[in-house]
Every structure is written in C-alpha cells, then in structure tokens.
Amino acid sequence: MSEAARTAVPEAHCRELKMPTVRRSYPELVRRATHDGWDYEEFLVQLLEAEVLARRDSTVERLLRQARFPDVKTLDQLDWEALRGVERPQLAQLAACDYLESGEDVVIAGPIGTGKTHLAIALGVEAARRRHRVAFIRAADLVRDLIEARDELTLSRLHQRYLRVALLVVDELGFVPFERAGGELLVPIALKPDH
C-alpha cells in the first residue's frame, strides 16, 4: 500500500465513523508509537482514549451551554466566609449528584448576598460534568414563560421540555412576587414526577 493510501484510508474511515479526534490524533500517535515501541494494544488504547475523552469534554461543553447559566461558577470558587450553614462534607455529597438519581429536591435558602446562586450554579455545573441535563432559569422568567405557554396553548410542550432535564435550577424563588396564576402554573414544574 502506498504512503498516500496509508494516510487516506484511515482518514476516510474516521470520517465515515464520525471519529474526528482519532482522525486528528492518528498521525501523531503513530509517530509516538513507532518511536516508543508501543505494541498494537497500547496504540489502540491511546487512540480510543483520545476519542472518548474528547467526546466527554464535548458533551459537557454542550450541556453547559444548554443549561444557560448566567455565569459558570464552580465549587472551587465558593466564598466559604459568606456561605454559612453549609458544611464541606454536605457539599461534597451534593456534588456527587446522588440526589438526582433518587429524585430528591435541594432547596438553598438564606439571606441575599450569601452565595445561594453561586452554589446552585456550581451544583448545576457538577451535574453537567457528570453528563446530566441541567436547566437554569430565574423564577420570574419561568413564571412568565409558563403564563405565555398557557396563553399560547403550548403549556404541555413546555412541561415536557422541563421534564427532560435531570436538574432544574430555579433561582430567586421567593424573592420576586408573582400573581397567583403564575404560582399555580409553577407548582407542577416544581413537583416534577419521578420517571
């Protein structure tokens, strides 16, 4: 097989199999494998690992974009002085996202300026990193969307959209007053049934 064919065939197969990282990594990994004397299994493991890691990263990036966080905040950035009433072991347990599997709700309450939104976003980021679908919305915006959907007769479609996420972060719930009709529409979203 000619050198051109040896390059073109794997590239064509990678395109067909939709393996862009393997396609990009292949030439460099071939050089490293040849130089370092890797066996076939080591070469294959390195090649597939590059693809898997790139896909995981891509999935997390997509989930973070879809979550629509106002800013991406992480647990590492928490101000522990402002955050009172939350212990590190408790936060580590929440970061593991077991509450999503068991269908439990998490309510973060406290005075203004204590880091509730930062904490909620950071937990949402952790969930996205574990490849869970997350949606972030402020309570007033959610109520507005629910009222508009009710008026446009698309409420069930909006409910279905929120049922597809594993974690719905509703920020500023209780800080912004809304009419009774908005509260009544909000209850079915907040009391999401288990799947």
N, C-alpha and C. Protein backbone atom coordinates (compact mmCIF):
# COMPACT_ATOMS: atom_id res chain seq x y z
N MET A 1 0.86 -1.17 0.00
CA MET A 1 0.00 0.00 0.00
C MET A 1 0.90 1.23 0.00
N SER A 2 0.56 2.21 -0.85
CA SER A 2 1.36 3.43 -0.94
C SER A 2 1.19 4.27 0.32
N GLU A 3 2.12 5.20 0.54
CA GLU A 3 2.07 6.08 1.72
C GLU A 3 0.82 6.95 1.68
N ALA A 4 0.43 7.43 0.49
CA ALA A 4 -0.77 8.25 0.36
C ALA A 4 -2.02 7.46 0.76
N ALA A 5 -2.08 6.20 0.34
CA ALA A 5 -3.23 5.36 0.67
C ALA A 5 -3.25 5.05 2.17
N ARG A 6 -2.06 4.84 2.75
CA ARG A 6 -1.99 4.54 4.19
C ARG A 6 -2.48 5.73 5.02
N THR A 7 -2.38 6.92 4.47
CA THR A 7 -2.88 8.10 5.17
C THR A 7 -4.35 8.32 4.87
N ALA A 8 -4.73 8.12 3.62
CA ALA A 8 -6.09 8.43 3.19
C ALA A 8 -7.13 7.44 3.73
N VAL A 9 -6.79 6.16 3.79
CA VAL A 9 -7.76 5.15 4.21
C VAL A 9 -8.20 5.35 5.66
N PRO A 10 -7.28 5.47 6.62
CA PRO A 10 -7.75 5.70 7.99
C PRO A 10 -8.54 7.02 8.13
N GLU A 11 -8.11 8.04 7.40
CA GLU A 11 -8.83 9.31 7.47
C GLU A 11 -10.25 9.16 6.94
N ALA A 12 -10.41 8.45 5.83
CA ALA A 12 -11.75 8.23 5.27
C ALA A 12 -12.61 7.41 6.23
N HIS A 13 -12.03 6.38 6.83
CA HIS A 13 -12.79 5.55 7.78
C HIS A 13 -13.21 6.38 9.00
N CYS A 14 -12.32 7.20 9.47
CA CYS A 14 -12.64 8.04 10.64
C CYS A 14 -13.77 9.02 10.33
N ARG A 15 -13.75 9.56 9.14
CA ARG A 15 -14.84 10.46 8.74
C ARG A 15 -16.17 9.71 8.70
N GLU A 16 -16.15 8.52 8.10
CA GLU A 16 -17.38 7.74 7.99
C GLU A 16 -17.90 7.31 9.37
N LEU A 17 -16.99 6.96 10.26
CA LEU A 17 -17.37 6.53 11.61
C LEU A 17 -17.60 7.70 12.57
N LYS A 18 -17.39 8.92 12.06
CA LYS A 18 -17.55 10.13 12.88
C LYS A 18 -16.67 10.07 14.11
N MET A 19 -15.37 9.92 13.86
CA MET A 19 -14.37 9.88 14.91
C MET A 19 -13.31 10.97 14.65
N PRO A 20 -13.69 12.24 14.83
CA PRO A 20 -12.78 13.33 14.46
C PRO A 20 -11.49 13.36 15.28
N THR A 21 -11.55 12.99 16.55
CA THR A 21 -10.33 13.05 17.36
C THR A 21 -9.36 11.96 16.94
N VAL A 22 -9.86 10.77 16.63
CA VAL A 22 -8.99 9.72 16.12
C VAL A 22 -8.34 10.18 14.83
N ARG A 23 -9.12 10.81 13.96
CA ARG A 23 -8.59 11.30 12.68
C ARG A 23 -7.47 12.31 12.91
N ARG A 24 -7.69 13.24 13.86
CA ARG A 24 -6.67 14.27 14.13
C ARG A 24 -5.47 13.69 14.88
N SER A 25 -5.71 12.76 15.81
CA SER A 25 -4.65 12.24 16.67
C SER A 25 -3.82 11.14 16.02
N TYR A 26 -4.38 10.49 15.03
CA TYR A 26 -3.77 9.31 14.43
C TYR A 26 -2.32 9.53 13.99
N PRO A 27 -2.01 10.54 13.20
CA PRO A 27 -0.62 10.69 12.74
C PRO A 27 0.38 10.86 13.89
N GLU A 28 0.04 11.70 14.87
CA GLU A 28 0.96 11.92 15.99
C GLU A 28 1.11 10.66 16.84
N LEU A 29 0.02 9.95 17.07
CA LEU A 29 0.11 8.72 17.85
C LEU A 29 0.88 7.63 17.12
N VAL A 30 0.79 7.60 15.80
CA VAL A 30 1.59 6.64 15.02
C VAL A 30 3.08 6.95 15.22
N ARG A 31 3.44 8.24 15.16
CA ARG A 31 4.84 8.63 15.37
C ARG A 31 5.31 8.24 16.78
N ARG A 32 4.47 8.53 17.80
CA ARG A 32 4.85 8.21 19.18
C ARG A 32 4.96 6.71 19.38
N ALA A 33 4.02 5.97 18.81
CA ALA A 33 4.04 4.51 18.96
C ALA A 33 5.28 3.92 18.31
N THR A 34 5.63 4.43 17.16
CA THR A 34 6.82 3.94 16.46
C THR A 34 8.08 4.29 17.25
N HIS A 35 8.16 5.53 17.70
CA HIS A 35 9.34 5.99 18.45
C HIS A 35 9.50 5.27 19.79
N ASP A 36 8.37 5.07 20.51
CA ASP A 36 8.43 4.49 21.85
C ASP A 36 8.25 2.97 21.86
N GLY A 37 8.01 2.38 20.70
CA GLY A 37 7.89 0.92 20.61
C GLY A 37 6.63 0.36 21.24
N TRP A 38 5.50 1.09 21.11
CA TRP A 38 4.25 0.59 21.67
C TRP A 38 3.82 -0.67 20.93
N ASP A 39 3.17 -1.57 21.65
CA ASP A 39 2.55 -2.70 20.96
C ASP A 39 1.20 -2.24 20.40
N TYR A 40 0.54 -3.11 19.64
CA TYR A 40 -0.71 -2.74 18.99
C TYR A 40 -1.80 -2.38 19.99
N GLU A 41 -1.85 -3.13 21.08
CA GLU A 41 -2.88 -2.85 22.08
C GLU A 41 -2.70 -1.47 22.70
N GLU A 42 -1.47 -1.11 23.04
CA GLU A 42 -1.21 0.21 23.63
C GLU A 42 -1.58 1.32 22.65
N PHE A 43 -1.23 1.14 21.39
CA PHE A 43 -1.58 2.13 20.37
C PHE A 43 -3.09 2.28 20.27
N LEU A 44 -3.81 1.16 20.23
CA LEU A 44 -5.27 1.20 20.11
C LEU A 44 -5.89 1.85 21.34
N VAL A 45 -5.40 1.52 22.53
CA VAL A 45 -5.92 2.13 23.76
C VAL A 45 -5.72 3.64 23.73
N GLN A 46 -4.54 4.10 23.36
CA GLN A 46 -4.26 5.54 23.32
C GLN A 46 -5.15 6.24 22.30
N LEU A 47 -5.34 5.63 21.16
CA LEU A 47 -6.16 6.21 20.10
C LEU A 47 -7.61 6.32 20.53
N LEU A 48 -8.17 5.25 21.08
CA LEU A 48 -9.56 5.28 21.51
C LEU A 48 -9.77 6.16 22.73
N GLU A 49 -8.79 6.19 23.62
CA GLU A 49 -8.91 7.04 24.81
C GLU A 49 -8.97 8.52 24.41
N ALA A 50 -8.20 8.90 23.42
CA ALA A 50 -8.24 10.29 22.95
C ALA A 50 -9.64 10.64 22.44
N GLU A 51 -10.25 9.73 21.71
CA GLU A 51 -11.60 9.97 21.18
C GLU A 51 -12.62 10.04 22.31
N VAL A 52 -12.55 9.12 23.25
CA VAL A 52 -13.52 9.09 24.36
C VAL A 52 -13.41 10.36 25.19
N LEU A 53 -12.20 10.77 25.53
CA LEU A 53 -12.03 11.98 26.35
C LEU A 53 -12.52 13.23 25.62
N ALA A 54 -12.26 13.31 24.33
CA ALA A 54 -12.73 14.45 23.56
C ALA A 54 -14.26 14.47 23.50
N ARG A 55 -14.88 13.32 23.36
CA ARG A 55 -16.35 13.26 23.32
C ARG A 55 -16.95 13.64 24.67
N ARG A 56 -16.34 13.18 25.75
CA ARG A 56 -16.82 13.56 27.08
C ARG A 56 -16.75 15.07 27.27
N ASP A 57 -15.61 15.65 26.90
CA ASP A 57 -15.44 17.10 27.03
C ASP A 57 -16.46 17.84 26.18
N SER A 58 -16.69 17.36 24.98
CA SER A 58 -17.65 17.98 24.08
C SER A 58 -19.07 17.90 24.65
N THR A 59 -19.41 16.77 25.23
CA THR A 59 -20.73 16.60 25.83
C THR A 59 -20.92 17.57 26.98
N VAL A 60 -19.91 17.69 27.84
CA VAL A 60 -20.01 18.60 28.97
C VAL A 60 -20.14 20.05 28.48
N GLU A 61 -19.35 20.44 27.49
CA GLU A 61 -19.45 21.80 26.95
C GLU A 61 -20.86 22.06 26.41
N ARG A 62 -21.42 21.09 25.69
CA ARG A 62 -22.76 21.24 25.15
C ARG A 62 -23.80 21.36 26.26
N LEU A 63 -23.69 20.52 27.28
CA LEU A 63 -24.63 20.57 28.39
C LEU A 63 -24.52 21.88 29.16
N LEU A 64 -23.33 22.41 29.32
CA LEU A 64 -23.16 23.70 29.99
C LEU A 64 -23.79 24.83 29.18
N ARG A 65 -23.64 24.79 27.86
CA ARG A 65 -24.28 25.81 27.01
C ARG A 65 -25.80 25.71 27.10
N GLN A 66 -26.32 24.48 27.04
CA GLN A 66 -27.76 24.27 27.08
C GLN A 66 -28.37 24.65 28.42
N ALA A 67 -27.59 24.58 29.49
CA ALA A 67 -28.10 24.92 30.82
C ALA A 67 -28.42 26.41 30.94
N ARG A 68 -27.76 27.22 30.16
CA ARG A 68 -27.98 28.68 30.14
C ARG A 68 -27.70 29.34 31.49
N PHE A 69 -26.59 28.95 32.08
CA PHE A 69 -26.15 29.63 33.31
C PHE A 69 -25.77 31.06 32.97
N PRO A 70 -26.09 32.03 33.86
CA PRO A 70 -25.67 33.41 33.58
C PRO A 70 -24.15 33.53 33.60
N ASP A 71 -23.49 32.79 34.46
CA ASP A 71 -22.03 32.67 34.54
C ASP A 71 -21.74 31.25 34.97
N VAL A 72 -20.62 30.72 34.55
CA VAL A 72 -20.23 29.39 35.01
C VAL A 72 -19.44 29.57 36.29
N LYS A 73 -20.01 29.07 37.37
CA LYS A 73 -19.38 29.13 38.70
C LYS A 73 -19.09 27.70 39.14
N THR A 74 -17.99 27.54 39.83
CA THR A 74 -17.62 26.21 40.29
C THR A 74 -17.54 26.17 41.81
N LEU A 75 -17.50 24.98 42.35
CA LEU A 75 -17.39 24.81 43.79
C LEU A 75 -16.05 25.33 44.31
N ASP A 76 -15.02 25.26 43.48
CA ASP A 76 -13.70 25.76 43.89
C ASP A 76 -13.70 27.27 44.12
N GLN A 77 -14.62 27.98 43.52
CA GLN A 77 -14.67 29.43 43.62
C GLN A 77 -15.55 29.92 44.78
N LEU A 78 -16.10 29.01 45.57
CA LEU A 78 -17.00 29.40 46.65
C LEU A 78 -16.30 30.24 47.71
N ASP A 79 -17.01 31.25 48.20
CA ASP A 79 -16.54 32.07 49.31
C ASP A 79 -17.10 31.45 50.59
N TRP A 80 -16.29 30.68 51.29
CA TRP A 80 -16.76 29.96 52.47
C TRP A 80 -17.10 30.89 53.62
N GLU A 81 -16.54 32.10 53.60
CA GLU A 81 -16.87 33.07 54.66
C GLU A 81 -18.32 33.54 54.52
N ALA A 82 -18.75 33.79 53.28
CA ALA A 82 -20.12 34.26 53.04
C ALA A 82 -21.13 33.13 53.14
N LEU A 83 -20.70 31.93 52.82
CA LEU A 83 -21.59 30.77 52.79
C LEU A 83 -21.68 30.16 54.18
N ARG A 84 -22.78 30.39 54.83
CA ARG A 84 -22.96 29.88 56.20
C ARG A 84 -24.03 28.78 56.18
N GLY A 85 -23.85 27.82 57.06
CA GLY A 85 -24.85 26.77 57.19
C GLY A 85 -24.63 25.59 56.26
N VAL A 86 -23.58 25.65 55.45
CA VAL A 86 -23.28 24.55 54.54
C VAL A 86 -21.91 24.02 54.93
N GLU A 87 -21.85 22.75 55.23
CA GLU A 87 -20.60 22.11 55.61
C GLU A 87 -19.95 21.48 54.38
N ARG A 88 -18.66 21.43 54.36
CA ARG A 88 -17.93 20.86 53.21
C ARG A 88 -18.34 19.41 52.92
N PRO A 89 -18.48 18.54 53.93
CA PRO A 89 -18.92 17.16 53.62
C PRO A 89 -20.32 17.12 52.99
N GLN A 90 -21.20 18.00 53.46
CA GLN A 90 -22.55 18.07 52.89
C GLN A 90 -22.48 18.52 51.43
N LEU A 91 -21.63 19.48 51.16
CA LEU A 91 -21.47 19.97 49.79
C LEU A 91 -20.84 18.91 48.89
N ALA A 92 -19.88 18.17 49.42
CA ALA A 92 -19.27 17.08 48.64
C ALA A 92 -20.31 16.02 48.29
N GLN A 93 -21.20 15.76 49.23
CA GLN A 93 -22.27 14.79 48.97
C GLN A 93 -23.20 15.30 47.87
N LEU A 94 -23.55 16.58 47.92
CA LEU A 94 -24.40 17.16 46.87
C LEU A 94 -23.68 17.15 45.52
N ALA A 95 -22.38 17.42 45.54
CA ALA A 95 -21.61 17.45 44.29
C ALA A 95 -21.57 16.09 43.61
N ALA A 96 -21.75 15.02 44.38
CA ALA A 96 -21.78 13.67 43.79
C ALA A 96 -23.05 13.42 42.98
N CYS A 97 -24.06 14.28 43.16
CA CYS A 97 -25.31 14.25 42.39
C CYS A 97 -26.17 13.02 42.65
N ASP A 98 -25.99 12.37 43.79
CA ASP A 98 -26.83 11.22 44.13
C ASP A 98 -28.29 11.62 44.28
N TYR A 99 -28.55 12.85 44.68
CA TYR A 99 -29.93 13.31 44.83
C TYR A 99 -30.68 13.29 43.51
N LEU A 100 -29.97 13.40 42.40
CA LEU A 100 -30.62 13.32 41.09
C LEU A 100 -31.12 11.90 40.82
N GLU A 101 -30.30 10.94 41.17
CA GLU A 101 -30.68 9.54 40.96
C GLU A 101 -31.89 9.15 41.82
N SER A 102 -31.95 9.69 43.05
CA SER A 102 -33.04 9.32 43.95
C SER A 102 -34.24 10.26 43.82
N GLY A 103 -34.15 11.28 42.96
CA GLY A 103 -35.28 12.18 42.72
C GLY A 103 -35.56 13.13 43.87
N GLU A 104 -34.54 13.45 44.65
CA GLU A 104 -34.72 14.37 45.77
C GLU A 104 -34.56 15.82 45.30
N ASP A 105 -35.25 16.72 46.00
CA ASP A 105 -35.11 18.14 45.73
C ASP A 105 -34.06 18.71 46.67
N VAL A 106 -33.41 19.77 46.22
CA VAL A 106 -32.46 20.50 47.05
C VAL A 106 -32.93 21.94 47.08
N VAL A 107 -33.13 22.48 48.26
CA VAL A 107 -33.54 23.87 48.43
C VAL A 107 -32.42 24.60 49.13
N ILE A 108 -31.96 25.68 48.52
CA ILE A 108 -30.91 26.50 49.10
C ILE A 108 -31.56 27.81 49.50
N ALA A 109 -31.62 28.06 50.79
CA ALA A 109 -32.31 29.24 51.31
C ALA A 109 -31.35 30.06 52.16
N GLY A 110 -31.60 31.35 52.20
CA GLY A 110 -30.79 32.22 53.04
C GLY A 110 -30.94 33.66 52.60
N PRO A 111 -30.32 34.57 53.34
CA PRO A 111 -30.42 35.98 53.01
C PRO A 111 -29.71 36.32 51.70
N ILE A 112 -30.03 37.49 51.19
CA ILE A 112 -29.41 37.99 49.96
C ILE A 112 -27.91 38.16 50.18
N GLY A 113 -27.13 37.80 49.14
CA GLY A 113 -25.69 38.03 49.17
C GLY A 113 -24.88 36.97 49.89
N THR A 114 -25.46 35.81 50.13
CA THR A 114 -24.72 34.77 50.85
C THR A 114 -24.20 33.66 49.93
N GLY A 115 -24.38 33.79 48.64
CA GLY A 115 -23.81 32.81 47.71
C GLY A 115 -24.74 31.70 47.26
N LYS A 116 -26.05 31.89 47.43
CA LYS A 116 -27.00 30.84 47.04
C LYS A 116 -26.96 30.58 45.54
N THR A 117 -26.96 31.64 44.75
CA THR A 117 -26.94 31.47 43.29
C THR A 117 -25.64 30.82 42.86
N HIS A 118 -24.53 31.27 43.42
CA HIS A 118 -23.23 30.67 43.09
C HIS A 118 -23.25 29.17 43.41
N LEU A 119 -23.76 28.83 44.58
CA LEU A 119 -23.82 27.43 44.99
C LEU A 119 -24.72 26.62 44.06
N ALA A 120 -25.87 27.18 43.71
CA ALA A 120 -26.81 26.48 42.81
C ALA A 120 -26.18 26.27 41.44
N ILE A 121 -25.52 27.29 40.91
CA ILE A 121 -24.86 27.15 39.61
C ILE A 121 -23.74 26.12 39.70
N ALA A 122 -22.95 26.18 40.76
CA ALA A 122 -21.83 25.23 40.91
C ALA A 122 -22.34 23.79 40.98
N LEU A 123 -23.45 23.56 41.66
CA LEU A 123 -24.02 22.21 41.69
C LEU A 123 -24.54 21.82 40.31
N GLY A 124 -25.09 22.79 39.58
CA GLY A 124 -25.52 22.53 38.21
C GLY A 124 -24.35 22.18 37.30
N VAL A 125 -23.24 22.89 37.48
CA VAL A 125 -22.03 22.59 36.69
C VAL A 125 -21.54 21.18 37.01
N GLU A 126 -21.54 20.82 38.29
CA GLU A 126 -21.14 19.45 38.67
C GLU A 126 -22.04 18.41 38.00
N ALA A 127 -23.34 18.68 37.99
CA ALA A 127 -24.27 17.75 37.35
C ALA A 127 -23.98 17.64 35.85
N ALA A 128 -23.71 18.77 35.20
CA ALA A 128 -23.38 18.74 33.76
C ALA A 128 -22.08 17.99 33.52
N ARG A 129 -21.11 18.16 34.40
CA ARG A 129 -19.84 17.43 34.27
C ARG A 129 -20.05 15.93 34.38
N ARG A 130 -21.10 15.54 35.09
CA ARG A 130 -21.44 14.12 35.21
C ARG A 130 -22.43 13.71 34.13
N ARG A 131 -22.57 14.57 33.15
CA ARG A 131 -23.38 14.35 31.94
C ARG A 131 -24.88 14.23 32.21
N HIS A 132 -25.36 15.06 33.14
CA HIS A 132 -26.80 15.20 33.38
C HIS A 132 -27.26 16.47 32.67
N ARG A 133 -28.47 16.43 32.15
CA ARG A 133 -29.06 17.65 31.56
C ARG A 133 -29.48 18.59 32.68
N VAL A 134 -29.14 19.86 32.51
CA VAL A 134 -29.43 20.88 33.52
C VAL A 134 -30.06 22.07 32.82
N ALA A 135 -30.98 22.73 33.50
CA ALA A 135 -31.55 23.99 33.02
C ALA A 135 -31.54 24.99 34.16
N PHE A 136 -31.09 26.20 33.88
CA PHE A 136 -31.09 27.28 34.86
C PHE A 136 -32.07 28.34 34.40
N ILE A 137 -32.91 28.81 35.33
CA ILE A 137 -33.84 29.88 34.99
C ILE A 137 -34.21 30.62 36.28
N ARG A 138 -34.41 31.90 36.16
CA ARG A 138 -34.89 32.69 37.30
C ARG A 138 -36.39 32.47 37.44
N ALA A 139 -36.88 32.47 38.68
CA ALA A 139 -38.29 32.17 38.95
C ALA A 139 -39.22 33.09 38.17
N ALA A 140 -38.91 34.38 38.13
CA ALA A 140 -39.78 35.32 37.41
C ALA A 140 -39.84 34.99 35.92
N ASP A 141 -38.70 34.59 35.34
CA ASP A 141 -38.68 34.23 33.92
C ASP A 141 -39.45 32.93 33.68
N LEU A 142 -39.33 31.99 34.60
CA LEU A 142 -40.07 30.74 34.47
C LEU A 142 -41.57 30.97 34.53
N VAL A 143 -42.00 31.80 35.48
CA VAL A 143 -43.43 32.11 35.59
C VAL A 143 -43.91 32.81 34.33
N ARG A 144 -43.13 33.76 33.82
CA ARG A 144 -43.50 34.45 32.58
C ARG A 144 -43.63 33.45 31.42
N ASP A 145 -42.65 32.54 31.30
CA ASP A 145 -42.71 31.53 30.24
C ASP A 145 -43.93 30.63 30.38
N LEU A 146 -44.25 30.27 31.62
CA LEU A 146 -45.42 29.41 31.86
C LEU A 146 -46.72 30.12 31.48
N ILE A 147 -46.84 31.38 31.85
CA ILE A 147 -48.05 32.15 31.50
C ILE A 147 -48.17 32.30 30.00
N GLU A 148 -47.05 32.62 29.33
CA GLU A 148 -47.08 32.74 27.87
C GLU A 148 -47.45 31.41 27.22
N ALA A 149 -46.88 30.32 27.71
CA ALA A 149 -47.19 29.00 27.15
C ALA A 149 -48.66 28.65 27.38
N ARG A 150 -49.18 28.99 28.55
CA ARG A 150 -50.61 28.74 28.81
C ARG A 150 -51.46 29.51 27.82
N ASP A 151 -51.14 30.80 27.62
CA ASP A 151 -51.91 31.64 26.71
C ASP A 151 -51.80 31.18 25.26
N GLU A 152 -50.66 30.61 24.89
CA GLU A 152 -50.44 30.14 23.51
C GLU A 152 -50.82 28.67 23.34
N LEU A 153 -51.37 28.06 24.39
CA LEU A 153 -51.79 26.66 24.39
C LEU A 153 -50.62 25.71 24.12
N THR A 154 -49.44 26.05 24.63
CA THR A 154 -48.26 25.20 24.47
C THR A 154 -47.68 24.79 25.83
N LEU A 155 -48.52 24.83 26.85
CA LEU A 155 -48.05 24.54 28.20
C LEU A 155 -47.53 23.12 28.35
N SER A 156 -48.20 22.16 27.74
CA SER A 156 -47.75 20.76 27.88
C SER A 156 -46.38 20.58 27.21
N ARG A 157 -46.13 21.28 26.12
CA ARG A 157 -44.84 21.20 25.45
C ARG A 157 -43.73 21.76 26.35
N LEU A 158 -44.03 22.88 27.03
CA LEU A 158 -43.06 23.47 27.95
C LEU A 158 -42.81 22.54 29.14
N HIS A 159 -43.86 21.94 29.67
CA HIS A 159 -43.70 20.96 30.75
C HIS A 159 -42.80 19.81 30.31
N GLN A 160 -43.03 19.31 29.12
CA GLN A 160 -42.22 18.20 28.60
C GLN A 160 -40.76 18.59 28.49
N ARG A 161 -40.51 19.82 28.07
CA ARG A 161 -39.12 20.29 27.94
C ARG A 161 -38.43 20.25 29.30
N TYR A 162 -39.12 20.69 30.34
CA TYR A 162 -38.52 20.68 31.67
C TYR A 162 -38.45 19.28 32.27
N LEU A 163 -39.31 18.39 31.86
CA LEU A 163 -39.24 17.02 32.35
C LEU A 163 -38.03 16.28 31.79
N ARG A 164 -37.47 16.77 30.68
CA ARG A 164 -36.30 16.13 30.07
C ARG A 164 -34.99 16.46 30.78
N VAL A 165 -35.00 17.45 31.66
CA VAL A 165 -33.77 17.80 32.36
C VAL A 165 -33.71 17.05 33.68
N ALA A 166 -32.52 16.67 34.07
CA ALA A 166 -32.33 15.97 35.34
C ALA A 166 -32.33 16.95 36.50
N LEU A 167 -31.85 18.18 36.24
CA LEU A 167 -31.76 19.19 37.29
C LEU A 167 -32.28 20.51 36.77
N LEU A 168 -33.31 21.01 37.41
CA LEU A 168 -33.86 22.33 37.09
C LEU A 168 -33.49 23.26 38.23
N VAL A 169 -32.64 24.24 37.94
CA VAL A 169 -32.22 25.22 38.93
C VAL A 169 -33.11 26.45 38.76
N VAL A 170 -33.96 26.70 39.75
CA VAL A 170 -34.85 27.86 39.74
C VAL A 170 -34.29 28.86 40.74
N ASP A 171 -33.76 29.95 40.23
CA ASP A 171 -33.11 30.96 41.06
C ASP A 171 -34.11 32.04 41.46
N GLU A 172 -33.88 32.62 42.61
CA GLU A 172 -34.66 33.75 43.14
C GLU A 172 -36.11 33.38 43.41
N LEU A 173 -36.37 32.14 43.69
CA LEU A 173 -37.71 31.71 44.06
C LEU A 173 -37.99 32.25 45.47
N GLY A 174 -39.03 33.00 45.60
CA GLY A 174 -39.36 33.60 46.89
C GLY A 174 -38.90 35.04 47.03
N PHE A 175 -38.02 35.50 46.14
CA PHE A 175 -37.55 36.88 46.20
C PHE A 175 -38.38 37.80 45.33
N VAL A 176 -38.96 37.24 44.28
CA VAL A 176 -39.73 38.06 43.34
C VAL A 176 -41.19 37.62 43.43
N PRO A 177 -42.09 38.53 43.82
CA PRO A 177 -43.50 38.15 43.90
C PRO A 177 -44.11 38.01 42.50
N PHE A 178 -45.06 37.10 42.39
CA PHE A 178 -45.80 36.95 41.13
C PHE A 178 -47.24 36.63 41.48
N GLU A 179 -48.10 36.79 40.50
CA GLU A 179 -49.53 36.59 40.73
C GLU A 179 -49.85 35.13 41.01
N ARG A 180 -51.04 34.94 41.57
CA ARG A 180 -51.48 33.60 41.94
C ARG A 180 -51.47 32.64 40.75
N ALA A 181 -51.90 33.10 39.59
CA ALA A 181 -51.92 32.23 38.40
C ALA A 181 -50.53 31.72 38.06
N GLY A 182 -49.53 32.59 38.22
CA GLY A 182 -48.16 32.17 37.97
C GLY A 182 -47.70 31.12 38.95
N GLY A 183 -48.06 31.29 40.22
CA GLY A 183 -47.71 30.30 41.24
C GLY A 183 -48.37 28.96 40.98
N GLU A 184 -49.61 28.99 40.53
CA GLU A 184 -50.32 27.75 40.23
C GLU A 184 -49.70 27.01 39.05
N LEU A 185 -49.17 27.76 38.09
CA LEU A 185 -48.51 27.13 36.96
C LEU A 185 -47.13 26.59 37.34
N LEU A 186 -46.52 27.23 38.33
CA LEU A 186 -45.17 26.84 38.75
C LEU A 186 -45.17 25.53 39.53
N VAL A 187 -46.21 25.23 40.26
CA VAL A 187 -46.25 24.05 41.13
C VAL A 187 -46.01 22.75 40.35
N PRO A 188 -46.65 22.49 39.21
CA PRO A 188 -46.37 21.21 38.51
C PRO A 188 -44.93 21.08 38.05
N ILE A 189 -44.27 22.20 37.74
CA ILE A 189 -42.86 22.14 37.33
C ILE A 189 -42.00 21.82 38.55
N ALA A 190 -42.29 22.47 39.67
CA ALA A 190 -41.50 22.27 40.88
C ALA A 190 -41.69 20.88 41.46
N LEU A 191 -42.85 20.31 41.28
CA LEU A 191 -43.14 18.96 41.79
C LEU A 191 -43.03 17.95 40.67
N LYS A 192 -41.91 17.92 40.03
CA LYS A 192 -41.65 17.02 38.90
C LYS A 192 -41.81 15.56 39.32
N PRO A 193 -42.66 14.80 38.62
CA PRO A 193 -42.85 13.39 39.00
C PRO A 193 -41.62 12.57 38.69
N ASP A 194 -41.43 11.51 39.47
CA ASP A 194 -40.30 10.60 39.20
C ASP A 194 -40.53 9.84 37.92
N HIS A 195 -39.44 9.55 37.23
CA HIS A 195 -39.51 8.78 35.97
C HIS A 195 -39.32 7.33 36.28
